[in-house]
C-alpha atoms as a PDB file:
ATOM      1  CA  MET A   1      30.612 -18.548 -56.643  1.00  0.00           C
ATOM      2  CA  ASN A   2      30.502 -21.266 -53.986  1.00  0.00           C
ATOM      3  CA  ARG A   3      31.847 -20.182 -50.662  1.00  0.00           C
ATOM      4  CA  ARG A   4      33.853 -22.720 -48.766  1.00  0.00           C
ATOM      5  CA  ARG A   5      32.719 -23.612 -45.294  1.00  0.00           C
ATOM      6  CA  GLY A   6      33.738 -25.898 -42.491  1.00  0.00           C
ATOM      7  CA  ALA A   7      36.761 -28.135 -43.035  1.00  0.00           C
ATOM      8  CA  ALA A   8      37.404 -26.894 -46.592  1.00  0.00           C
ATOM      9  CA  LEU A   9      37.576 -23.269 -45.436  1.00  0.00           C
ATOM     10  CA  THR A  10      39.741 -24.157 -42.442  1.00  0.00           C
ATOM     11  CA  GLU A  11      42.187 -26.048 -44.651  1.00  0.00           C
ATOM     12  CA  ALA A  12      42.368 -23.130 -47.099  1.00  0.00           C
ATOM     13  CA  ILE A  13      43.068 -20.746 -44.209  1.00  0.00           C
ATOM     14  CA  TYR A  14      45.765 -23.024 -42.769  1.00  0.00           C
ATOM     15  CA  LEU A  15      47.463 -23.436 -46.139  1.00  0.00           C
ATOM     16  CA  ALA A  16      47.323 -19.677 -46.720  1.00  0.00           C
ATOM     17  CA  THR A  17      48.772 -19.074 -43.248  1.00  0.00           C
ATOM     18  CA  LEU A  18      51.686 -21.430 -43.836  1.00  0.00           C
ATOM     19  CA  GLY A  19      52.287 -19.996 -47.299  1.00  0.00           C
ATOM     20  CA  GLU A  20      52.294 -16.409 -46.072  1.00  0.00           C
ATOM     21  CA  LEU A  21      54.496 -17.314 -43.124  1.00  0.00           C
ATOM     22  CA  ALA A  22      56.990 -19.018 -45.449  1.00  0.00           C
ATOM     23  CA  ARG A  23      56.983 -16.065 -47.872  1.00  0.00           C
ATOM     24  CA  SER A  24      57.152 -13.104 -45.554  1.00  0.00           C
ATOM     25  CA  GLY A  25      57.861 -14.341 -42.034  1.00  0.00           C
ATOM     26  CA  PHE A  26      55.897 -13.972 -38.844  1.00  0.00           C
ATOM     27  CA  ALA A  27      56.545 -10.236 -38.447  1.00  0.00           C
ATOM     28  CA  GLN A  28      54.690  -9.544 -41.709  1.00  0.00           C
ATOM     29  CA  LEU A  29      51.881 -12.062 -41.157  1.00  0.00           C
ATOM     30  CA  SER A  30      48.436 -10.491 -40.889  1.00  0.00           C
ATOM     31  CA  PHE A  31      44.843 -11.672 -40.955  1.00  0.00           C
ATOM     32  CA  ASP A  32      44.324  -9.456 -44.013  1.00  0.00           C
ATOM     33  CA  LYS A  33      47.036 -11.248 -46.005  1.00  0.00           C
ATOM     34  CA  VAL A  34      45.880 -14.690 -44.898  1.00  0.00           C
ATOM     35  CA  ALA A  35      42.233 -13.939 -45.694  1.00  0.00           C
ATOM     36  CA  THR A  36      43.134 -12.667 -49.164  1.00  0.00           C
ATOM     37  CA  ALA A  37      45.336 -15.691 -49.870  1.00  0.00           C
ATOM     38  CA  ALA A  38      42.605 -18.053 -48.609  1.00  0.00           C
ATOM     39  CA  GLY A  39      39.929 -16.332 -50.652  1.00  0.00           C
ATOM     40  CA  THR A  40      37.776 -15.432 -47.662  1.00  0.00           C
ATOM     41  CA  GLY A  41      36.964 -12.429 -45.507  1.00  0.00           C
ATOM     42  CA  LYS A  42      39.049 -11.623 -42.472  1.00  0.00           C
ATOM     43  CA  ALA A  43      35.924 -11.939 -40.294  1.00  0.00           C
ATOM     44  CA  ALA A  44      36.142 -15.711 -40.859  1.00  0.00           C
ATOM     45  CA  LEU A  45      39.563 -15.627 -39.214  1.00  0.00           C
ATOM     46  CA  TYR A  46      38.617 -13.323 -36.339  1.00  0.00           C
ATOM     47  CA  ARG A  47      35.691 -15.597 -35.448  1.00  0.00           C
ATOM     48  CA  ARG A  48      38.048 -18.533 -34.868  1.00  0.00           C
ATOM     49  CA  TRP A  49      41.397 -17.108 -33.777  1.00  0.00           C
ATOM     50  CA  SER A  50      42.096 -14.036 -31.694  1.00  0.00           C
ATOM     51  CA  SER A  51      45.698 -13.587 -32.829  1.00  0.00           C
ATOM     52  CA  PRO A  52      48.130 -14.597 -35.557  1.00  0.00           C
ATOM     53  CA  ASP A  53      49.965 -16.705 -32.932  1.00  0.00           C
ATOM     54  CA  GLN A  54      46.871 -18.855 -32.390  1.00  0.00           C
ATOM     55  CA  LEU A  55      46.294 -19.192 -36.123  1.00  0.00           C
ATOM     56  CA  VAL A  56      49.916 -20.201 -36.760  1.00  0.00           C
ATOM     57  CA  MET A  57      49.823 -22.853 -34.037  1.00  0.00           C
ATOM     58  CA  ALA A  58      46.515 -24.209 -35.335  1.00  0.00           C
ATOM     59  CA  ALA A  59      47.941 -24.471 -38.867  1.00  0.00           C
ATOM     60  CA  LEU A  60      51.224 -26.039 -37.734  1.00  0.00           C
ATOM     61  CA  THR A  61      49.563 -28.639 -35.523  1.00  0.00           C
ATOM     62  CA  ASP A  62      46.770 -29.569 -37.924  1.00  0.00           C
ATOM     63  CA  PRO A  63      47.092 -33.189 -39.136  1.00  0.00           C
ATOM     64  CA  ALA A  64      46.250 -32.295 -42.749  1.00  0.00           C
ATOM     65  CA  THR A  65      48.327 -29.156 -43.277  1.00  0.00           C
ATOM     66  CA  GLY A  66      50.891 -29.096 -40.504  1.00  0.00           C
ATOM     67  CA  PHE A  67      52.778 -31.467 -38.285  1.00  0.00           C
ATOM     68  CA  GLY A  68      49.803 -32.807 -36.341  1.00  0.00           C
ATOM     69  CA  GLN A  69      50.124 -36.336 -37.699  1.00  0.00           C
ATOM     70  CA  PRO A  70      51.900 -38.396 -35.033  1.00  0.00           C
ATOM     71  CA  LEU A  71      55.358 -39.481 -36.104  1.00  0.00           C
ATOM     72  CA  ALA A  72      56.289 -43.097 -35.392  1.00  0.00           C
ATOM     73  CA  PRO A  73      59.649 -44.851 -35.418  1.00  0.00           C
ATOM     74  CA  PRO A  74      60.125 -46.619 -38.778  1.00  0.00           C
ATOM     75  CA  GLY A  75      61.068 -49.885 -37.052  1.00  0.00           C
ATOM     76  CA  THR A  76      63.272 -51.187 -39.861  1.00  0.00           C
ATOM     77  CA  GLY A  77      65.537 -53.066 -37.455  1.00  0.00           C
ATOM     78  CA  SER A  78      68.534 -51.007 -38.584  1.00  0.00           C
ATOM     79  CA  LEU A  79      69.739 -47.744 -37.074  1.00  0.00           C
ATOM     80  CA  ARG A  80      70.975 -46.439 -40.420  1.00  0.00           C
ATOM     81  CA  ALA A  81      67.725 -47.318 -42.205  1.00  0.00           C
ATOM     82  CA  ASP A  82      65.606 -45.771 -39.428  1.00  0.00           C
ATOM     83  CA  LEU A  83      67.672 -42.574 -39.484  1.00  0.00           C
ATOM     84  CA  LEU A  84      67.535 -42.446 -43.259  1.00  0.00           C
ATOM     85  CA  ALA A  85      63.739 -42.807 -43.225  1.00  0.00           C
ATOM     86  CA  LEU A  86      63.183 -40.175 -40.513  1.00  0.00           C
ATOM     87  CA  LEU A  87      65.712 -37.619 -41.721  1.00  0.00           C
ATOM     88  CA  SER A  88      64.681 -37.995 -45.374  1.00  0.00           C
ATOM     89  CA  GLN A  89      61.085 -37.330 -44.323  1.00  0.00           C
ATOM     90  CA  PHE A  90      62.276 -34.298 -42.348  1.00  0.00           C
ATOM     91  CA  VAL A  91      64.074 -32.923 -45.427  1.00  0.00           C
ATOM     92  CA  ARG A  92      60.979 -33.464 -47.609  1.00  0.00           C
ATOM     93  CA  GLU A  93      58.857 -31.638 -45.023  1.00  0.00           C
ATOM     94  CA  LEU A  94      61.309 -28.718 -44.904  1.00  0.00           C
ATOM     95  CA  ALA A  95      60.661 -28.149 -48.615  1.00  0.00           C
ATOM     96  CA  GLU A  96      56.862 -28.098 -48.145  1.00  0.00           C
ATOM     97  CA  PRO A  97      54.922 -24.991 -47.051  1.00  0.00           C
ATOM     98  CA  ARG A  98      54.701 -26.322 -43.487  1.00  0.00           C
ATOM     99  CA  GLY A  99      58.467 -26.839 -43.356  1.00  0.00           C
ATOM    100  CA  GLN A 100      59.207 -23.462 -44.891  1.00  0.00           C
ATOM    101  CA  ALA A 101      56.881 -21.891 -42.318  1.00  0.00           C
ATOM    102  CA  LEU A 102      58.654 -23.775 -39.540  1.00  0.00           C
ATOM    103  CA  ARG A 103      62.036 -22.552 -40.789  1.00  0.00           C
ATOM    104  CA  SER A 104      60.689 -19.014 -40.769  1.00  0.00           C
ATOM    105  CA  LEU A 105      59.483 -19.348 -37.182  1.00  0.00           C
ATOM    106  CA  VAL A 106      62.766 -20.786 -35.992  1.00  0.00           C
ATOM    107  CA  ALA A 107      64.504 -17.774 -37.515  1.00  0.00           C
ATOM    108  CA  TYR A 108      62.194 -15.438 -35.538  1.00  0.00           C
ATOM    109  CA  ARG A 109      62.780 -17.216 -32.234  1.00  0.00           C
ATOM    110  CA  GLY A 110      64.350 -14.178 -30.581  1.00  0.00           C
ATOM    111  CA  GLN A 111      61.525 -11.822 -31.570  1.00  0.00           C
ATOM    112  CA  HIS A 112      58.728 -14.223 -30.612  1.00  0.00           C
ATOM    113  CA  PRO A 113      59.993 -16.471 -27.796  1.00  0.00           C
ATOM    114  CA  GLU A 114      56.517 -17.443 -26.546  1.00  0.00           C
ATOM    115  CA  LEU A 115      55.433 -18.593 -29.994  1.00  0.00           C
ATOM    116  CA  PHE A 116      58.723 -20.416 -30.487  1.00  0.00           C
ATOM    117  CA  GLU A 117      58.232 -22.234 -27.180  1.00  0.00           C
ATOM    118  CA  GLN A 118      54.798 -23.405 -28.345  1.00  0.00           C
ATOM    119  CA  VAL A 119      56.282 -24.540 -31.660  1.00  0.00           C
ATOM    120  CA  TRP A 120      59.077 -26.305 -29.809  1.00  0.00           C
ATOM    121  CA  SER A 121      56.763 -28.231 -27.495  1.00  0.00           C
ATOM    122  CA  SER A 122      54.091 -29.044 -30.106  1.00  0.00           C
ATOM    123  CA  VAL A 123      56.129 -29.680 -33.256  1.00  0.00           C
ATOM    124  CA  ILE A 124      59.874 -30.013 -32.659  1.00  0.00           C
ATOM    125  CA  ARG A 125      59.952 -31.852 -29.327  1.00  0.00           C
ATOM    126  CA  PRO A 126      57.651 -34.733 -30.441  1.00  0.00           C
ATOM    127  CA  ALA A 127      59.883 -35.354 -33.480  1.00  0.00           C
ATOM    128  CA  GLN A 128      62.975 -35.280 -31.279  1.00  0.00           C
ATOM    129  CA  GLU A 129      61.367 -37.843 -28.956  1.00  0.00           C
ATOM    130  CA  VAL A 130      60.839 -40.208 -31.906  1.00  0.00           C
ATOM    131  CA  LEU A 131      64.501 -39.862 -32.871  1.00  0.00           C
ATOM    132  CA  LEU A 132      65.472 -40.517 -29.256  1.00  0.00           C
ATOM    133  CA  ALA A 133      63.322 -43.661 -29.267  1.00  0.00           C
ATOM    134  CA  VAL A 134      65.046 -44.846 -32.461  1.00  0.00           C
ATOM    135  CA  LEU A 135      68.434 -44.314 -30.829  1.00  0.00           C
ATOM    136  CA  GLY A 136      67.278 -46.193 -27.729  1.00  0.00           C
ATOM    137  CA  GLU A 137      66.103 -49.130 -29.849  1.00  0.00           C
ATOM    138  CA  ALA A 138      69.464 -49.146 -31.643  1.00  0.00           C
ATOM    139  CA  ALA A 139      71.294 -49.189 -28.312  1.00  0.00           C
ATOM    140  CA  ALA A 140      69.164 -52.137 -27.184  1.00  0.00           C
ATOM    141  CA  ARG A 141      70.182 -54.003 -30.390  1.00  0.00           C
ATOM    142  CA  GLY A 142      73.864 -53.145 -29.826  1.00  0.00           C
ATOM    143  CA  GLU A 143      74.079 -50.691 -32.737  1.00  0.00           C
ATOM    144  CA  ALA A 144      74.727 -47.641 -30.555  1.00  0.00           C
ATOM    145  CA  ASP A 145      76.467 -46.852 -27.311  1.00  0.00           C
ATOM    146  CA  PRO A 146      73.704 -46.430 -24.678  1.00  0.00           C
ATOM    147  CA  ALA A 147      75.682 -43.589 -23.070  1.00  0.00           C
ATOM    148  CA  ARG A 148      75.395 -41.648 -26.329  1.00  0.00           C
ATOM    149  CA  VAL A 149      71.609 -41.868 -26.536  1.00  0.00           C
ATOM    150  CA  THR A 150      70.878 -38.303 -25.448  1.00  0.00           C
ATOM    151  CA  GLU A 151      68.590 -35.466 -26.451  1.00  0.00           C
ATOM    152  CA  ARG A 152      71.584 -33.629 -27.871  1.00  0.00           C
ATOM    153  CA  MET A 153      72.489 -36.599 -30.041  1.00  0.00           C
ATOM    154  CA  ALA A 154      68.875 -36.838 -31.266  1.00  0.00           C
ATOM    155  CA  SER A 155      68.976 -33.182 -32.296  1.00  0.00           C
ATOM    156  CA  ILE A 156      72.261 -33.222 -34.242  1.00  0.00           C
ATOM    157  CA  GLY A 157      70.937 -34.639 -37.531  1.00  0.00           C
ATOM    158  CA  PRO A 158      67.902 -32.363 -37.809  1.00  0.00           C
ATOM    159  CA  ARG A 159      69.973 -29.315 -36.840  1.00  0.00           C
ATOM    160  CA  LEU A 160      72.622 -29.997 -39.467  1.00  0.00           C
ATOM    161  CA  LEU A 161      69.990 -30.575 -42.130  1.00  0.00           C
ATOM    162  CA  LEU A 162      68.048 -27.458 -41.103  1.00  0.00           C
ATOM    163  CA  VAL A 163      71.173 -25.320 -41.515  1.00  0.00           C
ATOM    164  CA  GLU A 164      71.844 -26.902 -44.908  1.00  0.00           C
ATOM    165  CA  ALA A 165      68.231 -26.236 -45.936  1.00  0.00           C
ATOM    166  CA  TRP A 166      68.653 -22.567 -45.032  1.00  0.00           C
ATOM    167  CA  ARG A 167      71.827 -22.448 -47.069  1.00  0.00           C
ATOM    168  CA  SER A 168      70.642 -24.173 -50.222  1.00  0.00           C
ATOM    169  CA  ASP A 169      66.822 -24.419 -50.010  1.00  0.00           C
ATOM    170  CA  SER A 170      66.836 -28.011 -51.248  1.00  0.00           C
ATOM    171  CA  LEU A 171      68.779 -31.031 -50.115  1.00  0.00           C
ATOM    172  CA  ALA A 172      69.706 -34.101 -52.102  1.00  0.00           C
ATOM    173  CA  ASP A 173      69.409 -37.605 -50.693  1.00  0.00           C
ATOM    174  CA  ASP A 174      73.193 -37.871 -50.504  1.00  0.00           C
ATOM    175  CA  GLU A 175      73.236 -34.941 -48.069  1.00  0.00           C
ATOM    176  CA  VAL A 176      71.008 -36.890 -45.673  1.00  0.00           C
ATOM    177  CA  ALA A 177      73.111 -40.031 -46.098  1.00  0.00           C
ATOM    178  CA  GLY A 178      76.274 -37.985 -45.523  1.00  0.00           C
ATOM    179  CA  VAL A 179      74.991 -36.604 -42.234  1.00  0.00           C
ATOM    180  CA  ILE A 180      74.096 -40.127 -41.136  1.00  0.00           C
ATOM    181  CA  ASP A 181      77.259 -41.885 -42.323  1.00  0.00           C
ATOM    182  CA  GLU A 182      79.827 -39.188 -41.592  1.00  0.00           C
ATOM    183  CA  VAL A 183      78.416 -37.691 -38.394  1.00  0.00           C
ATOM    184  CA  LEU A 184      75.680 -39.627 -36.622  1.00  0.00           C
ATOM    185  CA  LEU A 185      76.811 -43.241 -36.950  1.00  0.00           C
ATOM    186  CA  PRO A 186      80.413 -42.485 -35.914  1.00  0.00           C
ATOM    187  CA  LEU A 187      79.192 -40.432 -32.938  1.00  0.00           C
ATOM    188  CA  LEU A 188      76.790 -43.171 -31.846  1.00  0.00           C
ATOM    189  CA  ALA A 189      79.245 -46.053 -32.264  1.00  0.00           C
ATOM    190  CA  SER A 190      79.981 -48.183 -29.238  1.00  0.00           C
END
């Protein structure tokens, strides 16, 4: 049997971490479970991470397995098209192991506030800043009221879709379009 090493082992550990987190939540996450799911010994985990918190953050911020790939504004030239691209991507990610893990962590915010704060600043806040930039570009083109380009406005779409994902576990494209057409565009109108 070939043992994985280096990047291949790290990726397997990250994927196992996100999978276990999505399945059982942070409270039940252990190096034993992750090591078993990754097909390695727990010593491989203890050599690299001193706590499950560190392992979770490493997995969530990894470019290959988590949300470490920088998000960029779509730049379609249309507020609706930009929102559709970003929020559709968000919904797709919520259905993936990394998104399911993120949903699990958000649910445990009260029990693990320090970890949630790290997740907020490393994963959620950068995505919110991209949405804010899209709204700012739309305001500059006259598609949105500049006074309504706020952090709260940038968080409305993802929050609504996150709640819907908790409720139904999968969202259709028309749900994303509905949030944009029925909520965001009217709220942003000049």
